[in-house]
Amino acid sequence: MTAPDFHYSACGRLRGRVALVTGAGSVGPGWGNGRAIAVRFAEEGALVFGTDRDPARLVETTDRIGAAGGTIATAGCDVTSSDSVAAMVAQCIERFGRIDVLVNNVGGSARGGPVEMDEAVWDNQVDQNLKSVFLACKHVLPHMLAQGGGAIVNISSTSGLRWTGAAQIAYASTKAGVIQFSRALAVQYAGQGIRVNTVVPGQLHTPMVEARLAGQRAGGDVDALLKQRQSRIPLPFMGDGRDTAAAALFLASDEARFITGAELVVDGGMSVRCD
């Protein structure tokens, strides 16, 4: 079954708010999580500050937001570097004056268990998937505290909840870490009006499938990989980055005003299957 059309009505749920979205580009054309989040937030009236390690990946994001009549400013950023993250936050504050929403979207997987994985790969996964979240929160939270509140949405993965078909010990461990990081942060800052929640996407059809995963796991056969991934999903179609974006939008909006320290799983039922 093909996926149903993605229908929505823009209601201005983030009108006038400033949203900093890391990893707002994509490795290829289409709906990566970060690109979809940036575009969807802009459609809902947010002033988006989008960053990516490779600024060229932000071109399509910027074009889509422009076509939708939205507002975006962009910057390159290495989210594993404290100095780079501090500069990114300073640029956002200089451009828009505040940060109401932070979305930590950067992440990536590497195959292998502890025996076969090189130590350098492990360290890189920790930096990319978990330290990046720590650094962004470290530099954004003082601004949210000064302005009296905000919302943080961290992007994890179902690999942080259960085995999802391949040994990727560093990715699974760091994505589980993102979930617990979010829970602890939510409790610490609830009294200051800052909500922290996590979106947990499953195996979506994002540009990463064609750009990297098919070569790693299916000998370059994209259709074979998609069929393999779909076989794990109870719903008869595969979601994409727009489904992640819809969940992030809800958690960032006032509709989630009484939700903090929570996880919203977006996986078509995959993580609740028994096999």
C-alpha atoms as a PDB file:
ATOM      1  CA  MET A   1       0.000   0.000   0.000  1.00  0.00           C
ATOM      2  CA  THR A   2       1.245   3.486  -0.822  1.00  0.00           C
ATOM      3  CA  ALA A   3       1.251   6.031   1.967  1.00  0.00           C
ATOM      4  CA  PRO A   4      -1.865   8.204   2.255  1.00  0.00           C
ATOM      5  CA  ASP A   5      -1.461  11.795   1.133  1.00  0.00           C
ATOM      6  CA  PHE A   6      -0.084  14.032   3.857  1.00  0.00           C
ATOM      7  CA  HIS A   7      -2.862  16.530   4.581  1.00  0.00           C
ATOM      8  CA  TYR A   8      -2.728  19.328   7.128  1.00  0.00           C
ATOM      9  CA  SER A   9      -4.037  22.820   7.710  1.00  0.00           C
ATOM     10  CA  ALA A  10      -1.622  25.515   8.851  1.00  0.00           C
ATOM     11  CA  CYS A  11      -3.083  27.167  11.939  1.00  0.00           C
ATOM     12  CA  GLY A  12      -0.257  29.435  13.056  1.00  0.00           C
ATOM     13  CA  ARG A  13       0.534  27.304  16.082  1.00  0.00           C
ATOM     14  CA  LEU A  14       4.073  28.722  16.300  1.00  0.00           C
ATOM     15  CA  ARG A  15       3.341  32.203  14.969  1.00  0.00           C
ATOM     16  CA  GLY A  16       6.088  34.637  15.924  1.00  0.00           C
ATOM     17  CA  ARG A  17       8.148  32.112  17.858  1.00  0.00           C
ATOM     18  CA  VAL A  18      11.804  31.506  17.130  1.00  0.00           C
ATOM     19  CA  ALA A  19      12.738  27.882  16.493  1.00  0.00           C
ATOM     20  CA  LEU A  20      16.354  26.742  16.320  1.00  0.00           C
ATOM     21  CA  VAL A  21      16.559  23.459  14.388  1.00  0.00           C
ATOM     22  CA  THR A  22      19.856  21.589  14.131  1.00  0.00           C
ATOM     23  CA  GLY A  23      20.412  19.256  11.204  1.00  0.00           C
ATOM     24  CA  ALA A  24      17.850  21.192   9.172  1.00  0.00           C
ATOM     25  CA  GLY A  25      19.348  20.040   5.880  1.00  0.00           C
ATOM     26  CA  SER A  26      19.310  16.560   4.397  1.00  0.00           C
ATOM     27  CA  VAL A  27      21.748  14.195   2.676  1.00  0.00           C
ATOM     28  CA  GLY A  28      19.560  14.220  -0.432  1.00  0.00           C
ATOM     29  CA  PRO A  29      16.358  15.587  -1.972  1.00  0.00           C
ATOM     30  CA  GLY A  30      13.142  14.996  -0.075  1.00  0.00           C
ATOM     31  CA  TRP A  31      11.849  14.855   3.448  1.00  0.00           C
ATOM     32  CA  GLY A  32      14.610  14.235   5.939  1.00  0.00           C
ATOM     33  CA  ASN A  33      13.554  14.754   9.538  1.00  0.00           C
ATOM     34  CA  GLY A  34      15.350  18.070  10.033  1.00  0.00           C
ATOM     35  CA  ARG A  35      14.214  19.568   6.735  1.00  0.00           C
ATOM     36  CA  ALA A  36      10.627  18.520   7.356  1.00  0.00           C
ATOM     37  CA  ILE A  37      10.683  19.967  10.873  1.00  0.00           C
ATOM     38  CA  ALA A  38      12.094  23.298   9.691  1.00  0.00           C
ATOM     39  CA  VAL A  39       9.566  23.585   6.860  1.00  0.00           C
ATOM     40  CA  ARG A  40       6.585  22.524   8.963  1.00  0.00           C
ATOM     41  CA  PHE A  41       7.498  24.939  11.752  1.00  0.00           C
ATOM     42  CA  ALA A  42       7.838  27.781   9.248  1.00  0.00           C
ATOM     43  CA  GLU A  43       4.436  26.906   7.768  1.00  0.00           C
ATOM     44  CA  GLU A  44       3.026  27.308  11.279  1.00  0.00           C
ATOM     45  CA  GLY A  45       4.498  30.788  11.583  1.00  0.00           C
ATOM     46  CA  ALA A  46       7.811  30.119  13.315  1.00  0.00           C
ATOM     47  CA  LEU A  47      10.894  32.161  12.546  1.00  0.00           C
ATOM     48  CA  VAL A  48      13.304  29.319  11.838  1.00  0.00           C
ATOM     49  CA  PHE A  49      17.037  29.341  12.399  1.00  0.00           C
ATOM     50  CA  GLY A  50      18.277  26.216  10.618  1.00  0.00           C
ATOM     51  CA  THR A  51      21.765  24.802  10.867  1.00  0.00           C
ATOM     52  CA  ASP A  52      23.717  21.982   9.280  1.00  0.00           C
ATOM     53  CA  ARG A  53      27.326  20.843   9.193  1.00  0.00           C
ATOM     54  CA  ASP A  54      27.166  21.242   5.397  1.00  0.00           C
ATOM     55  CA  PRO A  55      25.416  24.529   4.520  1.00  0.00           C
ATOM     56  CA  ALA A  56      24.741  23.265   0.978  1.00  0.00           C
ATOM     57  CA  ARG A  57      22.231  20.813   2.457  1.00  0.00           C
ATOM     58  CA  LEU A  58      20.160  23.773   3.625  1.00  0.00           C
ATOM     59  CA  VAL A  59      19.448  25.088   0.121  1.00  0.00           C
ATOM     60  CA  GLU A  60      16.390  22.899  -0.505  1.00  0.00           C
ATOM     61  CA  THR A  61      15.127  23.594   3.020  1.00  0.00           C
ATOM     62  CA  THR A  62      15.436  27.335   2.421  1.00  0.00           C
ATOM     63  CA  ASP A  63      13.741  27.083  -0.978  1.00  0.00           C
ATOM     64  CA  ARG A  64      10.808  25.116   0.423  1.00  0.00           C
ATOM     65  CA  ILE A  65      10.302  27.577   3.270  1.00  0.00           C
ATOM     66  CA  GLY A  66      10.520  30.498   0.876  1.00  0.00           C
ATOM     67  CA  ALA A  67       7.926  28.905  -1.399  1.00  0.00           C
ATOM     68  CA  ALA A  68       5.639  28.528   1.610  1.00  0.00           C
ATOM     69  CA  GLY A  69       6.044  32.210   2.499  1.00  0.00           C
ATOM     70  CA  GLY A  70       7.959  31.419   5.674  1.00  0.00           C
ATOM     71  CA  THR A  71      11.066  32.868   7.293  1.00  0.00           C
ATOM     72  CA  ILE A  72      14.403  31.118   7.752  1.00  0.00           C
ATOM     73  CA  ALA A  73      17.960  32.136   8.521  1.00  0.00           C
ATOM     74  CA  THR A  74      20.722  29.562   8.213  1.00  0.00           C
ATOM     75  CA  ALA A  75      24.236  28.859   9.432  1.00  0.00           C
ATOM     76  CA  GLY A  76      26.795  26.108   9.283  1.00  0.00           C
ATOM     77  CA  CYS A  77      27.526  24.420  12.590  1.00  0.00           C
ATOM     78  CA  ASP A  78      29.494  21.488  13.971  1.00  0.00           C
ATOM     79  CA  VAL A  79      27.235  20.477  16.853  1.00  0.00           C
ATOM     80  CA  THR A  80      29.992  18.378  18.403  1.00  0.00           C
ATOM     81  CA  SER A  81      32.052  21.525  19.060  1.00  0.00           C
ATOM     82  CA  SER A  82      31.139  23.749  21.994  1.00  0.00           C
ATOM     83  CA  ASP A  83      32.627  26.811  20.302  1.00  0.00           C
ATOM     84  CA  SER A  84      30.678  26.166  17.116  1.00  0.00           C
ATOM     85  CA  VAL A  85      27.415  25.640  19.007  1.00  0.00           C
ATOM     86  CA  ALA A  86      27.982  28.804  21.054  1.00  0.00           C
ATOM     87  CA  ALA A  87      28.521  30.758  17.843  1.00  0.00           C
ATOM     88  CA  MET A  88      25.368  29.237  16.316  1.00  0.00           C
ATOM     89  CA  VAL A  89      23.265  30.268  19.312  1.00  0.00           C
ATOM     90  CA  ALA A  90      24.771  33.762  19.281  1.00  0.00           C
ATOM     91  CA  GLN A  91      23.902  34.114  15.580  1.00  0.00           C
ATOM     92  CA  CYS A  92      20.323  33.067  16.237  1.00  0.00           C
ATOM     93  CA  ILE A  93      19.984  35.549  19.095  1.00  0.00           C
ATOM     94  CA  GLU A  94      21.528  38.309  16.994  1.00  0.00           C
ATOM     95  CA  ARG A  95      19.126  37.576  14.116  1.00  0.00           C
ATOM     96  CA  PHE A  96      15.868  36.989  16.000  1.00  0.00           C
ATOM     97  CA  GLY A  97      16.444  38.158  19.576  1.00  0.00           C
ATOM     98  CA  ARG A  98      15.334  34.994  21.385  1.00  0.00           C
ATOM     99  CA  ILE A  99      14.934  31.202  21.158  1.00  0.00           C
ATOM    100  CA  ASP A 100      11.515  29.794  22.003  1.00  0.00           C
ATOM    101  CA  VAL A 101      11.956  26.289  20.601  1.00  0.00           C
ATOM    102  CA  LEU A 102      15.062  24.141  20.270  1.00  0.00           C
ATOM    103  CA  VAL A 103      14.956  20.981  18.158  1.00  0.00           C
ATOM    104  CA  ASN A 104      18.004  18.726  18.471  1.00  0.00           C
ATOM    105  CA  ASN A 105      17.809  16.656  15.314  1.00  0.00           C
ATOM    106  CA  VAL A 106      21.420  15.780  14.451  1.00  0.00           C
ATOM    107  CA  GLY A 107      22.284  12.085  14.519  1.00  0.00           C
ATOM    108  CA  GLY A 108      23.549   9.139  12.558  1.00  0.00           C
ATOM    109  CA  SER A 109      24.120   5.409  12.875  1.00  0.00           C
ATOM    110  CA  ALA A 110      27.122   3.129  12.526  1.00  0.00           C
ATOM    111  CA  ARG A 111      27.009  -0.639  12.300  1.00  0.00           C
ATOM    112  CA  GLY A 112      28.665  -3.040  14.688  1.00  0.00           C
ATOM    113  CA  GLY A 113      28.825  -4.335  18.226  1.00  0.00           C
ATOM    114  CA  PRO A 114      31.590  -3.651  20.761  1.00  0.00           C
ATOM    115  CA  VAL A 115      33.992  -6.246  19.354  1.00  0.00           C
ATOM    116  CA  GLU A 116      33.956  -5.190  15.708  1.00  0.00           C
ATOM    117  CA  MET A 117      33.366  -1.448  16.208  1.00  0.00           C
ATOM    118  CA  ASP A 118      36.455   0.729  16.217  1.00  0.00           C
ATOM    119  CA  GLU A 119      36.828   2.848  19.329  1.00  0.00           C
ATOM    120  CA  ALA A 120      36.993   6.008  17.230  1.00  0.00           C
ATOM    121  CA  VAL A 121      33.622   5.160  15.676  1.00  0.00           C
ATOM    122  CA  TRP A 122      32.128   4.728  19.154  1.00  0.00           C
ATOM    123  CA  ASP A 123      33.504   8.101  20.245  1.00  0.00           C
ATOM    124  CA  ASN A 124      32.161   9.785  17.114  1.00  0.00           C
ATOM    125  CA  GLN A 125      28.697   8.291  17.683  1.00  0.00           C
ATOM    126  CA  VAL A 126      28.642   9.546  21.266  1.00  0.00           C
ATOM    127  CA  ASP A 127      29.644  13.018  20.107  1.00  0.00           C
ATOM    128  CA  GLN A 128      27.245  13.150  17.175  1.00  0.00           C
ATOM    129  CA  ASN A 129      24.160  11.668  18.820  1.00  0.00           C
ATOM    130  CA  LEU A 130      24.416  12.613  22.489  1.00  0.00           C
ATOM    131  CA  LYS A 131      27.061  15.270  23.108  1.00  0.00           C
ATOM    132  CA  SER A 132      25.417  17.392  20.414  1.00  0.00           C
ATOM    133  CA  VAL A 133      22.189  17.449  22.436  1.00  0.00           C
ATOM    134  CA  PHE A 134      24.093  18.329  25.613  1.00  0.00           C
ATOM    135  CA  LEU A 135      25.954  21.193  23.933  1.00  0.00           C
ATOM    136  CA  ALA A 136      22.893  22.736  22.302  1.00  0.00           C
ATOM    137  CA  CYS A 137      20.978  22.624  25.583  1.00  0.00           C
ATOM    138  CA  LYS A 138      23.983  23.980  27.463  1.00  0.00           C
ATOM    139  CA  HIS A 139      24.107  27.096  25.282  1.00  0.00           C
ATOM    140  CA  VAL A 140      20.370  27.598  24.654  1.00  0.00           C
ATOM    141  CA  LEU A 141      19.003  27.050  28.170  1.00  0.00           C
ATOM    142  CA  PRO A 142      20.408  30.309  29.636  1.00  0.00           C
ATOM    143  CA  HIS A 143      18.422  32.254  27.025  1.00  0.00           C
ATOM    144  CA  MET A 144      15.233  30.310  27.716  1.00  0.00           C
ATOM    145  CA  LEU A 145      15.672  30.871  31.441  1.00  0.00           C
ATOM    146  CA  ALA A 146      16.195  34.610  30.928  1.00  0.00           C
ATOM    147  CA  GLN A 147      13.040  34.927  28.817  1.00  0.00           C
ATOM    148  CA  GLY A 148      10.921  32.821  31.183  1.00  0.00           C
ATOM    149  CA  GLY A 149      10.438  29.542  29.331  1.00  0.00           C
ATOM    150  CA  GLY A 150      10.655  27.543  26.151  1.00  0.00           C
ATOM    151  CA  ALA A 151      10.267  24.114  24.599  1.00  0.00           C
ATOM    152  CA  ILE A 152      12.965  21.606  23.720  1.00  0.00           C
ATOM    153  CA  VAL A 153      12.271  18.683  21.395  1.00  0.00           C
ATOM    154  CA  ASN A 154      14.980  16.050  21.067  1.00  0.00           C
ATOM    155  CA  ILE A 155      14.941  13.481  18.264  1.00  0.00           C
ATOM    156  CA  SER A 156      15.829   9.945  19.335  1.00  0.00           C
ATOM    157  CA  SER A 157      15.139   6.614  17.580  1.00  0.00           C
ATOM    158  CA  THR A 158      13.332   3.354  18.181  1.00  0.00           C
ATOM    159  CA  SER A 159      16.829   1.857  18.273  1.00  0.00           C
ATOM    160  CA  GLY A 160      17.004   3.470  21.707  1.00  0.00           C
ATOM    161  CA  LEU A 161      14.001   1.379  22.774  1.00  0.00           C
ATOM    162  CA  ARG A 162      14.596  -2.056  21.279  1.00  0.00           C
ATOM    163  CA  TRP A 163      16.496  -4.118  18.703  1.00  0.00           C
ATOM    164  CA  THR A 164      15.513  -2.879  15.257  1.00  0.00           C
ATOM    165  CA  GLY A 165      17.190  -5.355  12.950  1.00  0.00           C
ATOM    166  CA  ALA A 166      20.922  -4.601  12.935  1.00  0.00           C
ATOM    167  CA  ALA A 167      23.766  -4.463  15.441  1.00  0.00           C
ATOM    168  CA  GLN A 168      24.522  -0.780  16.013  1.00  0.00           C
ATOM    169  CA  ILE A 169      25.526  -0.655  19.637  1.00  0.00           C
ATOM    170  CA  ALA A 170      26.707   2.951  19.746  1.00  0.00           C
ATOM    171  CA  TYR A 171      23.628   4.293  17.986  1.00  0.00           C
ATOM    172  CA  ALA A 172      21.273   2.305  20.209  1.00  0.00           C
ATOM    173  CA  SER A 173      23.090   3.374  23.374  1.00  0.00           C
ATOM    174  CA  THR A 174      23.289   7.055  22.495  1.00  0.00           C
ATOM    175  CA  LYS A 175      19.680   7.259  21.324  1.00  0.00           C
ATOM    176  CA  ALA A 176      18.592   5.633  24.597  1.00  0.00           C
ATOM    177  CA  GLY A 177      20.741   8.264  26.272  1.00  0.00           C
ATOM    178  CA  VAL A 178      18.857  11.042  24.489  1.00  0.00           C
ATOM    179  CA  ILE A 179      15.597   9.751  25.955  1.00  0.00           C
ATOM    180  CA  GLN A 180      16.913   9.693  29.525  1.00  0.00           C
ATOM    181  CA  PHE A 181      18.710  13.023  29.053  1.00  0.00           C
ATOM    182  CA  SER A 182      15.373  14.541  28.056  1.00  0.00           C
ATOM    183  CA  ARG A 183      13.564  13.069  31.045  1.00  0.00           C
ATOM    184  CA  ALA A 184      16.135  14.354  33.529  1.00  0.00           C
ATOM    185  CA  LEU A 185      16.215  17.799  31.912  1.00  0.00           C
ATOM    186  CA  ALA A 186      12.416  17.975  31.909  1.00  0.00           C
ATOM    187  CA  VAL A 187      12.243  17.498  35.665  1.00  0.00           C
ATOM    188  CA  GLN A 188      15.111  19.879  36.382  1.00  0.00           C
ATOM    189  CA  TYR A 189      13.606  22.777  34.431  1.00  0.00           C
ATOM    190  CA  ALA A 190       9.855  22.215  34.736  1.00  0.00           C
ATOM    191  CA  GLY A 191       9.607  24.857  37.448  1.00  0.00           C
ATOM    192  CA  GLN A 192      11.144  27.454  35.135  1.00  0.00           C
ATOM    193  CA  GLY A 193       8.589  26.950  32.383  1.00  0.00           C
ATOM    194  CA  ILE A 194      10.788  24.884  30.075  1.00  0.00           C
ATOM    195  CA  ARG A 195       9.287  21.708  28.630  1.00  0.00           C
ATOM    196  CA  VAL A 196      11.526  18.935  27.275  1.00  0.00           C
ATOM    197  CA  ASN A 197      10.184  16.028  25.232  1.00  0.00           C
ATOM    198  CA  THR A 198      11.443  13.434  22.778  1.00  0.00           C
ATOM    199  CA  VAL A 199      10.226  12.271  19.385  1.00  0.00           C
ATOM    200  CA  VAL A 200      11.181   8.644  18.726  1.00  0.00           C
ATOM    201  CA  PRO A 201      11.022   7.925  14.972  1.00  0.00           C
ATOM    202  CA  GLY A 202      11.098   4.393  13.624  1.00  0.00           C
ATOM    203  CA  GLN A 203      12.255   3.181  10.229  1.00  0.00           C
ATOM    204  CA  LEU A 204      11.111   5.954   7.930  1.00  0.00           C
ATOM    205  CA  HIS A 205      11.716   6.483   4.232  1.00  0.00           C
ATOM    206  CA  THR A 206      14.016   9.495   4.374  1.00  0.00           C
ATOM    207  CA  PRO A 207      16.769  10.487   1.904  1.00  0.00           C
ATOM    208  CA  MET A 208      19.214   8.586   4.121  1.00  0.00           C
ATOM    209  CA  VAL A 209      17.812   5.326   2.702  1.00  0.00           C
ATOM    210  CA  GLU A 210      19.036   6.080  -0.814  1.00  0.00           C
ATOM    211  CA  ALA A 211      22.136   8.030   0.219  1.00  0.00           C
ATOM    212  CA  ARG A 212      23.666   5.562   2.648  1.00  0.00           C
ATOM    213  CA  LEU A 213      21.589   2.799   4.208  1.00  0.00           C
ATOM    214  CA  ALA A 214      20.845   0.814   1.039  1.00  0.00           C
ATOM    215  CA  GLY A 215      24.556   0.558   0.294  1.00  0.00           C
ATOM    216  CA  GLN A 216      25.351  -0.510   3.848  1.00  0.00           C
ATOM    217  CA  ARG A 217      22.588  -3.062   4.300  1.00  0.00           C
ATOM    218  CA  ALA A 218      21.194  -4.218   0.949  1.00  0.00           C
ATOM    219  CA  GLY A 219      24.046  -4.061  -1.531  1.00  0.00           C
ATOM    220  CA  GLY A 220      22.676  -0.819  -2.929  1.00  0.00           C
ATOM    221  CA  ASP A 221      19.224  -2.288  -3.616  1.00  0.00           C
ATOM    222  CA  VAL A 222      16.888   0.440  -2.336  1.00  0.00           C
ATOM    223  CA  ASP A 223      13.704  -1.521  -3.068  1.00  0.00           C
ATOM    224  CA  ALA A 224      15.002  -4.547  -1.169  1.00  0.00           C
ATOM    225  CA  LEU A 225      15.852  -2.438   1.852  1.00  0.00           C
ATOM    226  CA  LEU A 226      12.478  -0.700   1.821  1.00  0.00           C
ATOM    227  CA  LYS A 227      10.704  -4.052   1.600  1.00  0.00           C
ATOM    228  CA  GLN A 228      12.762  -5.374   4.510  1.00  0.00           C
ATOM    229  CA  ARG A 229      11.993  -2.341   6.644  1.00  0.00           C
ATOM    230  CA  GLN A 230       8.303  -2.347   5.739  1.00  0.00           C
ATOM    231  CA  SER A 231       8.003  -5.973   6.833  1.00  0.00           C
ATOM    232  CA  ARG A 232       8.605  -4.846  10.422  1.00  0.00           C
ATOM    233  CA  ILE A 233       5.887  -2.175  10.391  1.00  0.00           C
ATOM    234  CA  PRO A 234       2.262  -3.127  11.214  1.00  0.00           C
ATOM    235  CA  LEU A 235       0.803  -0.191   9.279  1.00  0.00           C
ATOM    236  CA  PRO A 236       0.816  -1.015   5.566  1.00  0.00           C
ATOM    237  CA  PHE A 237       2.973   1.929   4.508  1.00  0.00           C
ATOM    238  CA  MET A 238       6.154   3.691   5.581  1.00  0.00           C
ATOM    239  CA  GLY A 239       6.235   7.200   6.994  1.00  0.00           C
ATOM    240  CA  ASP A 240       8.792   9.887   6.228  1.00  0.00           C
ATOM    241  CA  GLY A 241      10.263  12.991   7.809  1.00  0.00           C
ATOM    242  CA  ARG A 242       6.939  14.797   7.706  1.00  0.00           C
ATOM    243  CA  ASP A 243       5.590  12.365  10.294  1.00  0.00           C
ATOM    244  CA  THR A 244       8.488  13.211  12.597  1.00  0.00           C
ATOM    245  CA  ALA A 245       7.818  16.893  11.951  1.00  0.00           C
ATOM    246  CA  ALA A 246       4.143  16.599  12.884  1.00  0.00           C
ATOM    247  CA  ALA A 247       5.091  15.034  16.222  1.00  0.00           C
ATOM    248  CA  ALA A 248       7.744  17.665  16.889  1.00  0.00           C
ATOM    249  CA  LEU A 249       5.273  20.438  16.043  1.00  0.00           C
ATOM    250  CA  PHE A 250       2.758  19.113  18.539  1.00  0.00           C
ATOM    251  CA  LEU A 251       5.346  18.876  21.322  1.00  0.00           C
ATOM    252  CA  ALA A 252       6.659  22.374  20.565  1.00  0.00           C
ATOM    253  CA  SER A 253       3.198  23.952  20.508  1.00  0.00           C
ATOM    254  CA  ASP A 254       0.867  25.091  23.267  1.00  0.00           C
ATOM    255  CA  GLU A 255      -1.261  22.029  22.578  1.00  0.00           C
ATOM    256  CA  ALA A 256       1.396  20.147  24.564  1.00  0.00           C
ATOM    257  CA  ARG A 257       1.490  22.692  27.399  1.00  0.00           C
ATOM    258  CA  PHE A 258       1.000  19.975  30.055  1.00  0.00           C
ATOM    259  CA  ILE A 259       3.423  17.472  28.504  1.00  0.00           C
ATOM    260  CA  THR A 260       7.056  17.250  29.566  1.00  0.00           C
ATOM    261  CA  GLY A 261       9.486  14.393  30.018  1.00  0.00           C
ATOM    262  CA  ALA A 262       7.520  12.318  27.510  1.00  0.00           C
ATOM    263  CA  GLU A 263       8.315  10.296  24.401  1.00  0.00           C
ATOM    264  CA  LEU A 264       6.168  10.307  21.277  1.00  0.00           C
ATOM    265  CA  VAL A 265       6.904   7.214  19.190  1.00  0.00           C
ATOM    266  CA  VAL A 266       6.440   7.619  15.424  1.00  0.00           C
ATOM    267  CA  ASP A 267       6.999   4.158  13.936  1.00  0.00           C
ATOM    268  CA  GLY A 268       3.769   2.739  12.539  1.00  0.00           C
ATOM    269  CA  GLY A 269       3.539   0.315  15.458  1.00  0.00           C
ATOM    270  CA  MET A 270       6.927  -1.314  14.843  1.00  0.00           C
ATOM    271  CA  SER A 271       8.253  -1.081  18.395  1.00  0.00           C
ATOM    272  CA  VAL A 272       5.221  -2.785  19.955  1.00  0.00           C
ATOM    273  CA  ARG A 273       5.404  -5.916  17.796  1.00  0.00           C
ATOM    274  CA  CYS A 274       6.512  -9.152  19.427  1.00  0.00           C
ATOM    275  CA  ASP A 275       8.722 -10.403  16.583  1.00  0.00           C
END
